[in-house]
């Protein structure tokens, strides 16, 4: 029973992480979130005598959370980049010059 739950959790984690966003901030967020989650999960799990399981659960949760935050930053950066790009289909205004 114990091994079945571990295998199910591992396969669920891998399937969720395989479909994550792949922007630069999302990738960085995934790695940093997984490292931080593993550290915190290991500390909390150690208090109950299951440090390795706590670290694995913390790494999975931290990786998913970090990916979501990084993906949101990537989307915000893409929006800002698109807003800065000029649209060349319309005439540009002439500031300070009269139009005849």
Protein backbone atom coordinates (compact mmCIF):
# COMPACT_ATOMS: atom_id res chain seq x y z
CA UNK A 1 0.00 0.00 0.00
CA UNK A 2 2.82 2.39 0.89
CA UNK A 3 4.67 1.77 -2.37
CA UNK A 4 1.50 2.22 -4.39
CA UNK A 5 0.91 5.66 -2.90
CA UNK A 6 4.53 6.67 -3.55
CA UNK A 7 4.39 5.50 -7.16
CA UNK A 8 1.07 7.26 -7.70
CA UNK A 9 2.39 10.51 -6.19
CA UNK A 10 5.57 10.36 -8.27
CA UNK A 11 3.70 9.72 -11.52
CA UNK A 12 1.21 12.48 -10.75
CA UNK A 13 4.02 14.92 -10.04
CA UNK A 14 5.87 14.03 -13.24
CA UNK A 15 2.74 14.36 -15.35
CA UNK A 16 1.96 17.76 -13.86
CA UNK A 17 5.50 19.07 -14.32
CA UNK A 18 5.76 17.84 -17.89
CA UNK A 19 2.99 20.18 -19.04
CA UNK A 20 4.29 23.30 -17.31
CA UNK A 21 5.06 26.56 -19.02
CA UNK A 22 8.56 26.93 -20.36
CA UNK A 23 9.45 30.63 -20.20
CA UNK A 24 12.69 31.73 -18.55
CA UNK A 25 11.00 32.92 -15.35
CA UNK A 26 8.83 29.79 -15.21
CA UNK A 27 11.88 27.55 -15.43
CA UNK A 28 13.76 29.52 -12.79
CA UNK A 29 10.69 29.58 -10.56
CA UNK A 30 10.27 25.82 -10.86
CA UNK A 31 13.84 25.11 -9.83
CA UNK A 32 13.92 27.61 -6.97
CA UNK A 33 10.47 26.58 -5.76
CA UNK A 34 11.41 22.91 -5.78
CA UNK A 35 14.63 23.56 -3.86
CA UNK A 36 12.91 25.74 -1.30
CA UNK A 37 9.99 23.34 -0.97
CA UNK A 38 12.32 20.39 -0.49
CA UNK A 39 14.19 22.21 2.25
CA UNK A 40 11.06 23.28 4.10
CA UNK A 41 9.38 19.90 3.55
CA UNK A 42 12.46 18.10 4.82
CA UNK A 43 12.53 20.18 7.98
CA UNK A 44 8.83 19.71 8.63
CA UNK A 45 8.98 16.01 7.72
CA UNK A 46 11.94 15.49 10.02
CA UNK A 47 9.82 16.62 12.95
CA UNK A 48 7.45 13.72 12.31
CA UNK A 49 10.19 11.21 11.49
CA UNK A 50 9.58 11.22 7.71
CA UNK A 51 12.11 13.68 6.36
CA UNK A 52 12.49 12.14 2.91
CA UNK A 53 8.76 12.00 2.25
CA UNK A 54 8.37 15.57 3.48
CA UNK A 55 11.15 16.72 1.19
CA UNK A 56 9.58 14.99 -1.82
CA UNK A 57 6.15 16.46 -1.16
CA UNK A 58 7.65 19.89 -0.48
CA UNK A 59 9.69 19.76 -3.70
CA UNK A 60 6.62 18.87 -5.76
CA UNK A 61 4.47 21.59 -4.20
CA UNK A 62 7.23 24.19 -4.37
CA UNK A 63 8.02 23.35 -7.99
CA UNK A 64 4.41 23.71 -9.04
CA UNK A 65 3.99 26.95 -7.12
CA UNK A 66 7.24 28.39 -8.46
CA UNK A 67 6.27 27.48 -12.00
CA UNK A 68 2.91 29.20 -11.67
CA UNK A 69 4.49 32.39 -10.31
CA UNK A 70 7.22 32.38 -12.97
CA UNK A 71 4.69 31.80 -15.74
CA UNK A 72 2.65 34.77 -14.52
CA UNK A 73 5.80 36.92 -14.69
CA UNK A 74 6.51 35.69 -18.22
CA UNK A 75 3.00 36.57 -19.34
CA UNK A 76 3.24 40.02 -17.76
CA UNK A 77 6.59 40.62 -19.49
CA UNK A 78 5.13 39.52 -22.83
CA UNK A 79 2.24 41.95 -22.42
CA UNK A 80 4.61 44.81 -21.66
CA UNK A 81 6.76 43.94 -24.65
CA UNK A 82 3.76 43.88 -26.97
CA UNK A 83 2.54 47.23 -25.69
CA UNK A 84 5.91 48.83 -26.43
CA UNK A 85 6.02 47.69 -30.04
CA UNK A 86 4.83 50.41 -32.46
CA UNK A 87 2.13 49.59 -34.93
CA UNK A 88 3.45 50.52 -38.35
CA UNK A 89 0.08 50.40 -40.13
CA UNK A 90 -0.98 53.86 -38.91
CA UNK A 91 0.75 57.20 -39.47
CA UNK A 92 2.98 58.43 -36.70
CA UNK A 93 2.04 61.76 -35.11
CA UNK A 94 4.24 64.76 -35.84
CA UNK A 95 4.80 66.51 -32.54
CA UNK A 96 5.66 70.18 -32.77
CA UNK A 97 5.10 70.36 -36.51
CA UNK A 98 1.93 71.65 -38.09
CA UNK A 99 0.08 69.27 -40.37
CA UNK A 100 -1.24 70.76 -43.62
